[in-house]
Amino acid sequence: MSTSPSAPPVLVGKIIRPAMLEIGVANAGQLATTIKLYEVLLGITEYPFRLLTDMALLCVVRSGGNAQTVIYWEVPGTSSAELKAVYDNLIEKHKCKGVKAPHKLPKPRGLRDDTEVCTLTDEAGGEFGLVINPPYPIV
């Protein structure tokens, strides 16, 4: 008789999985060109791009000429308070610095109304994001 392995716990830490990739461009003139490039690379013309069944790829103009790519990690839960609690905990207890406090994404991106994000840097200065209610389905 074979026994199946037990399922891993869904929630082990403060995040669940990568949920959104944000490709940064240095200025507005580069945005359309970058979106076109990813249309060719992915073979998808509907923007924002949906990767797999539960990951989105966005291209955005970043301030200060920063063309950095940011990975947004899904936070368990559905409320702004849950996102804020993880954000605050990372700042208070794990030497992270807040870049952008939790906020809703602008609707024109074609995302759900309840998608909320924030960004932080780790102790070494690497930027990462947190997202609650990831943008699925993309509308």
N, C-alpha and C. Protein backbone atom coordinates (compact mmCIF):
# COMPACT_ATOMS: atom_id res chain seq x y z
N MET A 1 0.84 -1.17 0.00
CA MET A 1 0.00 0.00 0.00
C MET A 1 0.89 1.24 0.00
N SER A 2 0.59 2.14 -0.92
CA SER A 2 1.41 3.34 -0.98
C SER A 2 0.69 4.48 -0.28
N THR A 3 1.48 5.31 0.31
CA THR A 3 0.88 6.48 0.97
C THR A 3 1.34 7.71 0.20
N SER A 4 0.43 8.62 0.03
CA SER A 4 0.80 9.85 -0.68
C SER A 4 1.41 10.82 0.31
N PRO A 5 2.38 11.60 -0.15
CA PRO A 5 2.99 12.57 0.76
C PRO A 5 1.96 13.61 1.17
N SER A 6 2.15 14.14 2.36
CA SER A 6 1.21 15.17 2.81
C SER A 6 1.44 16.45 2.02
N ALA A 7 0.38 17.17 1.83
CA ALA A 7 0.45 18.42 1.08
C ALA A 7 1.24 19.45 1.88
N PRO A 8 2.06 20.22 1.20
CA PRO A 8 2.79 21.27 1.93
C PRO A 8 1.82 22.31 2.44
N PRO A 9 2.16 22.95 3.53
CA PRO A 9 1.26 24.00 4.03
C PRO A 9 1.17 25.12 3.01
N VAL A 10 0.00 25.68 2.87
CA VAL A 10 -0.21 26.76 1.92
C VAL A 10 0.51 28.02 2.38
N LEU A 11 0.43 28.30 3.64
CA LEU A 11 1.05 29.52 4.17
C LEU A 11 2.14 29.14 5.17
N VAL A 12 3.38 29.35 4.79
CA VAL A 12 4.48 29.05 5.68
C VAL A 12 5.03 30.35 6.27
N GLY A 13 5.12 31.36 5.47
CA GLY A 13 5.70 32.62 5.91
C GLY A 13 4.76 33.79 5.68
N LYS A 14 5.34 34.93 5.37
CA LYS A 14 4.56 36.15 5.18
C LYS A 14 4.07 36.31 3.74
N ILE A 15 4.64 35.54 2.81
CA ILE A 15 4.24 35.64 1.41
C ILE A 15 3.87 34.25 0.88
N ILE A 16 3.13 34.23 -0.23
CA ILE A 16 2.69 32.98 -0.82
C ILE A 16 3.54 32.61 -2.02
N ARG A 17 3.66 33.51 -2.98
CA ARG A 17 4.33 33.21 -4.24
C ARG A 17 4.55 34.50 -5.02
N PRO A 18 5.43 34.48 -6.04
CA PRO A 18 5.52 35.65 -6.90
C PRO A 18 4.22 35.79 -7.68
N ALA A 19 3.67 36.99 -7.75
CA ALA A 19 2.36 37.19 -8.37
C ALA A 19 2.37 38.22 -9.49
N MET A 20 3.37 39.09 -9.52
CA MET A 20 3.38 40.14 -10.53
C MET A 20 4.82 40.56 -10.78
N LEU A 21 5.16 40.75 -12.05
CA LEU A 21 6.46 41.29 -12.43
C LEU A 21 6.22 42.67 -13.01
N GLU A 22 7.03 43.63 -12.59
CA GLU A 22 6.90 44.99 -13.09
C GLU A 22 8.21 45.37 -13.76
N ILE A 23 8.18 45.48 -15.09
CA ILE A 23 9.35 45.86 -15.86
C ILE A 23 9.40 47.38 -15.91
N GLY A 24 10.46 47.97 -15.36
CA GLY A 24 10.59 49.41 -15.33
C GLY A 24 11.27 49.95 -16.58
N VAL A 25 10.81 51.09 -17.03
CA VAL A 25 11.48 51.83 -18.10
C VAL A 25 11.80 53.22 -17.58
N ALA A 26 12.84 53.82 -18.17
CA ALA A 26 13.34 55.09 -17.65
C ALA A 26 12.47 56.29 -17.99
N ASN A 27 11.73 56.23 -19.12
CA ASN A 27 10.91 57.38 -19.48
C ASN A 27 9.71 56.95 -20.31
N ALA A 28 8.75 57.83 -20.43
CA ALA A 28 7.49 57.51 -21.11
C ALA A 28 7.70 57.13 -22.57
N GLY A 29 8.74 57.69 -23.22
CA GLY A 29 9.01 57.36 -24.60
C GLY A 29 9.39 55.90 -24.82
N GLN A 30 9.91 55.26 -23.79
CA GLN A 30 10.32 53.86 -23.89
C GLN A 30 9.19 52.87 -23.60
N LEU A 31 8.11 53.36 -23.03
CA LEU A 31 7.05 52.45 -22.58
C LEU A 31 6.42 51.66 -23.73
N ALA A 32 5.98 52.32 -24.78
CA ALA A 32 5.34 51.62 -25.90
C ALA A 32 6.29 50.64 -26.56
N THR A 33 7.56 51.03 -26.70
CA THR A 33 8.56 50.15 -27.31
C THR A 33 8.76 48.89 -26.45
N THR A 34 8.80 49.07 -25.16
CA THR A 34 9.00 47.93 -24.26
C THR A 34 7.80 47.00 -24.29
N ILE A 35 6.60 47.57 -24.28
CA ILE A 35 5.39 46.74 -24.36
C ILE A 35 5.40 45.94 -25.67
N LYS A 36 5.75 46.57 -26.78
CA LYS A 36 5.82 45.89 -28.08
C LYS A 36 6.84 44.75 -28.04
N LEU A 37 7.98 44.98 -27.40
CA LEU A 37 9.00 43.93 -27.28
C LEU A 37 8.43 42.71 -26.56
N TYR A 38 7.73 42.94 -25.45
CA TYR A 38 7.18 41.81 -24.69
C TYR A 38 6.03 41.14 -25.43
N GLU A 39 5.32 41.88 -26.27
CA GLU A 39 4.31 41.25 -27.13
C GLU A 39 4.97 40.23 -28.04
N VAL A 40 6.11 40.61 -28.62
CA VAL A 40 6.84 39.70 -29.50
C VAL A 40 7.41 38.53 -28.72
N LEU A 41 8.06 38.81 -27.60
CA LEU A 41 8.69 37.76 -26.80
C LEU A 41 7.68 36.75 -26.26
N LEU A 42 6.53 37.25 -25.81
CA LEU A 42 5.53 36.38 -25.18
C LEU A 42 4.51 35.82 -26.17
N GLY A 43 4.38 36.47 -27.33
CA GLY A 43 3.35 36.06 -28.28
C GLY A 43 1.96 36.41 -27.80
N ILE A 44 1.87 37.45 -26.98
CA ILE A 44 0.60 37.90 -26.40
C ILE A 44 0.43 39.37 -26.76
N THR A 45 -0.76 39.76 -27.20
CA THR A 45 -0.97 41.17 -27.54
C THR A 45 -1.87 41.89 -26.54
N GLU A 46 -2.50 41.16 -25.64
CA GLU A 46 -3.39 41.79 -24.66
C GLU A 46 -2.59 42.24 -23.44
N TYR A 47 -2.63 43.55 -23.19
CA TYR A 47 -1.88 44.12 -22.08
C TYR A 47 -2.83 44.59 -20.99
N PRO A 48 -2.56 44.42 -19.70
CA PRO A 48 -1.36 43.84 -19.14
C PRO A 48 -1.24 42.35 -19.49
N PHE A 49 -0.01 41.87 -19.57
CA PHE A 49 0.23 40.50 -19.97
C PHE A 49 -0.07 39.54 -18.83
N ARG A 50 -0.73 38.48 -19.16
CA ARG A 50 -1.01 37.44 -18.16
C ARG A 50 -0.05 36.29 -18.41
N LEU A 51 0.78 36.00 -17.43
CA LEU A 51 1.73 34.91 -17.51
C LEU A 51 1.17 33.74 -16.70
N LEU A 52 1.26 32.56 -17.23
CA LEU A 52 0.68 31.39 -16.56
C LEU A 52 -0.79 31.70 -16.27
N THR A 53 -1.32 31.16 -15.21
CA THR A 53 -2.71 31.47 -14.90
C THR A 53 -2.83 32.49 -13.79
N ASP A 54 -1.75 32.73 -13.09
CA ASP A 54 -1.87 33.60 -11.92
C ASP A 54 -0.68 34.54 -11.73
N MET A 55 -0.14 35.04 -12.83
CA MET A 55 0.93 36.02 -12.73
C MET A 55 0.77 37.04 -13.85
N ALA A 56 0.96 38.30 -13.51
CA ALA A 56 0.85 39.38 -14.49
C ALA A 56 2.22 40.00 -14.72
N LEU A 57 2.40 40.55 -15.92
CA LEU A 57 3.60 41.31 -16.24
C LEU A 57 3.15 42.69 -16.69
N LEU A 58 3.67 43.71 -16.01
CA LEU A 58 3.35 45.10 -16.32
C LEU A 58 4.62 45.83 -16.71
N CYS A 59 4.49 46.80 -17.58
CA CYS A 59 5.61 47.68 -17.92
C CYS A 59 5.22 49.07 -17.42
N VAL A 60 6.12 49.71 -16.68
CA VAL A 60 5.79 51.00 -16.08
C VAL A 60 6.96 51.95 -16.17
N VAL A 61 6.65 53.24 -16.23
CA VAL A 61 7.68 54.27 -16.18
C VAL A 61 8.07 54.43 -14.72
N ARG A 62 9.35 54.33 -14.44
CA ARG A 62 9.85 54.49 -13.08
C ARG A 62 10.49 55.87 -12.93
N SER A 63 10.35 56.45 -11.78
CA SER A 63 10.88 57.79 -11.54
C SER A 63 12.41 57.78 -11.50
N GLY A 64 12.98 58.90 -11.83
CA GLY A 64 14.43 59.06 -11.73
C GLY A 64 15.24 58.27 -12.74
N GLY A 65 14.61 57.82 -13.84
CA GLY A 65 15.35 57.09 -14.86
C GLY A 65 15.70 55.67 -14.47
N ASN A 66 15.08 55.15 -13.41
CA ASN A 66 15.34 53.80 -12.92
C ASN A 66 14.60 52.79 -13.78
N ALA A 67 15.33 51.87 -14.40
CA ALA A 67 14.70 50.85 -15.24
C ALA A 67 14.72 49.48 -14.56
N GLN A 68 14.61 49.46 -13.26
CA GLN A 68 14.68 48.24 -12.47
C GLN A 68 13.41 47.39 -12.64
N THR A 69 13.58 46.08 -12.58
CA THR A 69 12.45 45.16 -12.57
C THR A 69 12.15 44.79 -11.12
N VAL A 70 10.87 44.79 -10.76
CA VAL A 70 10.47 44.48 -9.39
C VAL A 70 9.56 43.26 -9.40
N ILE A 71 9.82 42.31 -8.53
CA ILE A 71 8.95 41.16 -8.33
C ILE A 71 8.03 41.47 -7.16
N TYR A 72 6.73 41.29 -7.38
CA TYR A 72 5.74 41.48 -6.32
C TYR A 72 5.33 40.12 -5.79
N TRP A 73 5.42 39.95 -4.50
CA TRP A 73 5.07 38.70 -3.83
C TRP A 73 3.68 38.83 -3.23
N GLU A 74 2.86 37.80 -3.42
CA GLU A 74 1.49 37.83 -2.88
C GLU A 74 1.51 37.62 -1.37
N VAL A 75 0.79 38.47 -0.68
CA VAL A 75 0.61 38.38 0.76
C VAL A 75 -0.73 37.66 1.01
N PRO A 76 -0.75 36.70 1.94
CA PRO A 76 -2.02 36.02 2.21
C PRO A 76 -3.05 36.98 2.78
N GLY A 77 -4.29 36.75 2.45
CA GLY A 77 -5.37 37.58 2.97
C GLY A 77 -6.02 38.37 1.86
N THR A 78 -6.95 39.21 2.24
CA THR A 78 -7.69 39.99 1.26
C THR A 78 -7.86 41.46 1.65
N SER A 79 -7.37 41.84 2.82
CA SER A 79 -7.63 43.21 3.26
C SER A 79 -6.38 44.08 3.23
N SER A 80 -6.61 45.37 3.10
CA SER A 80 -5.52 46.34 3.16
C SER A 80 -4.77 46.25 4.47
N ALA A 81 -5.49 45.95 5.55
CA ALA A 81 -4.86 45.86 6.87
C ALA A 81 -3.85 44.72 6.91
N GLU A 82 -4.13 43.62 6.22
CA GLU A 82 -3.20 42.49 6.22
C GLU A 82 -1.92 42.85 5.46
N LEU A 83 -2.06 43.56 4.35
CA LEU A 83 -0.89 44.02 3.59
C LEU A 83 -0.08 45.00 4.43
N LYS A 84 -0.75 45.95 5.05
CA LYS A 84 -0.07 46.95 5.88
C LYS A 84 0.66 46.30 7.05
N ALA A 85 0.08 45.25 7.64
CA ALA A 85 0.72 44.58 8.76
C ALA A 85 2.04 43.93 8.34
N VAL A 86 2.07 43.29 7.18
CA VAL A 86 3.30 42.67 6.69
C VAL A 86 4.33 43.76 6.36
N TYR A 87 3.89 44.82 5.68
CA TYR A 87 4.76 45.95 5.33
C TYR A 87 5.40 46.53 6.60
N ASP A 88 4.58 46.84 7.60
CA ASP A 88 5.09 47.41 8.85
C ASP A 88 6.04 46.46 9.56
N ASN A 89 5.72 45.17 9.59
CA ASN A 89 6.55 44.17 10.26
C ASN A 89 7.93 44.09 9.60
N LEU A 90 7.97 44.13 8.27
CA LEU A 90 9.26 44.05 7.57
C LEU A 90 10.13 45.27 7.86
N ILE A 91 9.50 46.43 8.03
CA ILE A 91 10.25 47.65 8.36
C ILE A 91 10.72 47.61 9.82
N GLU A 92 9.82 47.26 10.72
CA GLU A 92 10.13 47.30 12.15
C GLU A 92 11.08 46.20 12.61
N LYS A 93 10.97 45.01 12.03
CA LYS A 93 11.71 43.87 12.59
C LYS A 93 12.73 43.24 11.65
N HIS A 94 12.77 43.67 10.40
CA HIS A 94 13.65 42.97 9.45
C HIS A 94 14.52 43.91 8.63
N LYS A 95 14.73 45.13 9.11
CA LYS A 95 15.64 46.10 8.52
C LYS A 95 15.30 46.49 7.08
N CYS A 96 14.04 46.34 6.69
CA CYS A 96 13.62 46.80 5.37
C CYS A 96 13.27 48.28 5.45
N LYS A 97 13.30 48.94 4.31
CA LYS A 97 12.90 50.35 4.24
C LYS A 97 11.73 50.47 3.28
N GLY A 98 10.75 51.25 3.66
CA GLY A 98 9.60 51.46 2.79
C GLY A 98 9.95 52.36 1.62
N VAL A 99 9.54 51.98 0.42
CA VAL A 99 9.71 52.82 -0.77
C VAL A 99 8.38 53.48 -1.10
N LYS A 100 7.35 52.67 -1.26
CA LYS A 100 5.98 53.18 -1.46
C LYS A 100 5.08 52.40 -0.52
N ALA A 101 4.38 53.13 0.34
CA ALA A 101 3.45 52.51 1.29
C ALA A 101 2.31 51.83 0.52
N PRO A 102 1.57 50.93 1.19
CA PRO A 102 0.45 50.27 0.51
C PRO A 102 -0.50 51.27 -0.13
N HIS A 103 -0.86 50.97 -1.39
CA HIS A 103 -1.76 51.84 -2.16
C HIS A 103 -2.42 51.02 -3.27
N LYS A 104 -3.56 51.49 -3.71
CA LYS A 104 -4.25 50.82 -4.82
C LYS A 104 -3.59 51.21 -6.13
N LEU A 105 -3.57 50.25 -7.07
CA LEU A 105 -3.05 50.55 -8.40
C LEU A 105 -4.08 51.36 -9.17
N PRO A 106 -3.62 52.25 -10.04
CA PRO A 106 -4.58 53.02 -10.85
C PRO A 106 -5.40 52.10 -11.73
N LYS A 107 -6.67 52.33 -11.82
CA LYS A 107 -7.58 51.51 -12.62
C LYS A 107 -7.20 51.44 -14.09
N PRO A 108 -6.67 52.50 -14.71
CA PRO A 108 -6.38 52.41 -16.15
C PRO A 108 -5.44 51.29 -16.56
N ARG A 109 -4.72 50.69 -15.61
CA ARG A 109 -3.85 49.58 -15.96
C ARG A 109 -4.65 48.33 -16.33
N GLY A 110 -5.95 48.35 -16.17
CA GLY A 110 -6.76 47.20 -16.53
C GLY A 110 -6.80 46.14 -15.45
N LEU A 111 -6.45 46.50 -14.23
CA LEU A 111 -6.42 45.53 -13.15
C LEU A 111 -7.68 45.62 -12.30
N ARG A 112 -7.85 44.63 -11.46
CA ARG A 112 -9.00 44.63 -10.56
C ARG A 112 -8.96 45.85 -9.64
N ASP A 113 -10.13 46.27 -9.17
CA ASP A 113 -10.22 47.44 -8.29
C ASP A 113 -9.59 47.22 -6.91
N ASP A 114 -9.54 45.96 -6.45
CA ASP A 114 -9.07 45.71 -5.09
C ASP A 114 -7.61 45.28 -5.02
N THR A 115 -6.86 45.43 -6.11
CA THR A 115 -5.44 45.11 -6.08
C THR A 115 -4.70 46.24 -5.38
N GLU A 116 -3.93 45.89 -4.37
CA GLU A 116 -3.17 46.88 -3.62
C GLU A 116 -1.73 46.41 -3.52
N VAL A 117 -0.79 47.34 -3.63
CA VAL A 117 0.63 47.00 -3.64
C VAL A 117 1.42 47.94 -2.73
N CYS A 118 2.65 47.54 -2.44
CA CYS A 118 3.61 48.40 -1.77
C CYS A 118 5.00 47.91 -2.19
N THR A 119 6.00 48.76 -2.02
CA THR A 119 7.37 48.35 -2.32
C THR A 119 8.28 48.71 -1.16
N LEU A 120 9.31 47.88 -1.01
CA LEU A 120 10.29 48.04 0.05
C LEU A 120 11.66 47.73 -0.52
N THR A 121 12.70 48.05 0.25
CA THR A 121 14.03 47.57 -0.07
C THR A 121 14.50 46.71 1.10
N ASP A 122 15.28 45.68 0.76
CA ASP A 122 15.86 44.86 1.81
C ASP A 122 17.10 45.57 2.34
N GLU A 123 17.78 44.96 3.29
CA GLU A 123 18.92 45.61 3.94
C GLU A 123 20.04 45.94 2.95
N ALA A 124 20.14 45.16 1.87
CA ALA A 124 21.18 45.39 0.86
C ALA A 124 20.75 46.40 -0.20
N GLY A 125 19.51 46.88 -0.15
CA GLY A 125 19.02 47.87 -1.09
C GLY A 125 18.24 47.30 -2.27
N GLY A 126 18.03 45.99 -2.30
CA GLY A 126 17.24 45.38 -3.37
C GLY A 126 15.77 45.67 -3.19
N GLU A 127 15.12 46.15 -4.25
CA GLU A 127 13.71 46.50 -4.16
C GLU A 127 12.84 45.29 -4.46
N PHE A 128 11.75 45.15 -3.71
CA PHE A 128 10.76 44.11 -3.96
C PHE A 128 9.40 44.67 -3.59
N GLY A 129 8.36 44.00 -4.06
CA GLY A 129 7.02 44.48 -3.79
C GLY A 129 6.17 43.41 -3.13
N LEU A 130 5.10 43.87 -2.53
CA LEU A 130 4.07 42.99 -1.96
C LEU A 130 2.76 43.35 -2.63
N VAL A 131 1.92 42.36 -2.85
CA VAL A 131 0.61 42.59 -3.47
C VAL A 131 -0.44 41.77 -2.72
N ILE A 132 -1.59 42.37 -2.55
CA ILE A 132 -2.72 41.66 -1.98
C ILE A 132 -3.84 41.73 -3.03
N ASN A 133 -4.59 40.66 -3.17
CA ASN A 133 -5.60 40.55 -4.21
C ASN A 133 -4.95 40.78 -5.57
N PRO A 134 -4.04 39.85 -5.96
CA PRO A 134 -3.34 40.03 -7.24
C PRO A 134 -4.32 40.26 -8.38
N PRO A 135 -3.81 40.79 -9.46
CA PRO A 135 -4.67 41.23 -10.56
C PRO A 135 -5.24 40.10 -11.41
N TYR A 136 -5.97 39.18 -10.78
CA TYR A 136 -6.60 38.10 -11.54
C TYR A 136 -8.07 38.09 -11.16
N PRO A 137 -8.94 38.03 -12.07
CA PRO A 137 -8.60 38.05 -13.49
C PRO A 137 -8.26 39.45 -13.94
N ILE A 138 -7.42 39.51 -14.96
CA ILE A 138 -7.16 40.81 -15.58
C ILE A 138 -8.41 41.15 -16.36
N VAL A 139 -8.89 42.37 -16.19
CA VAL A 139 -10.15 42.76 -16.85
C VAL A 139 -9.89 43.59 -18.08
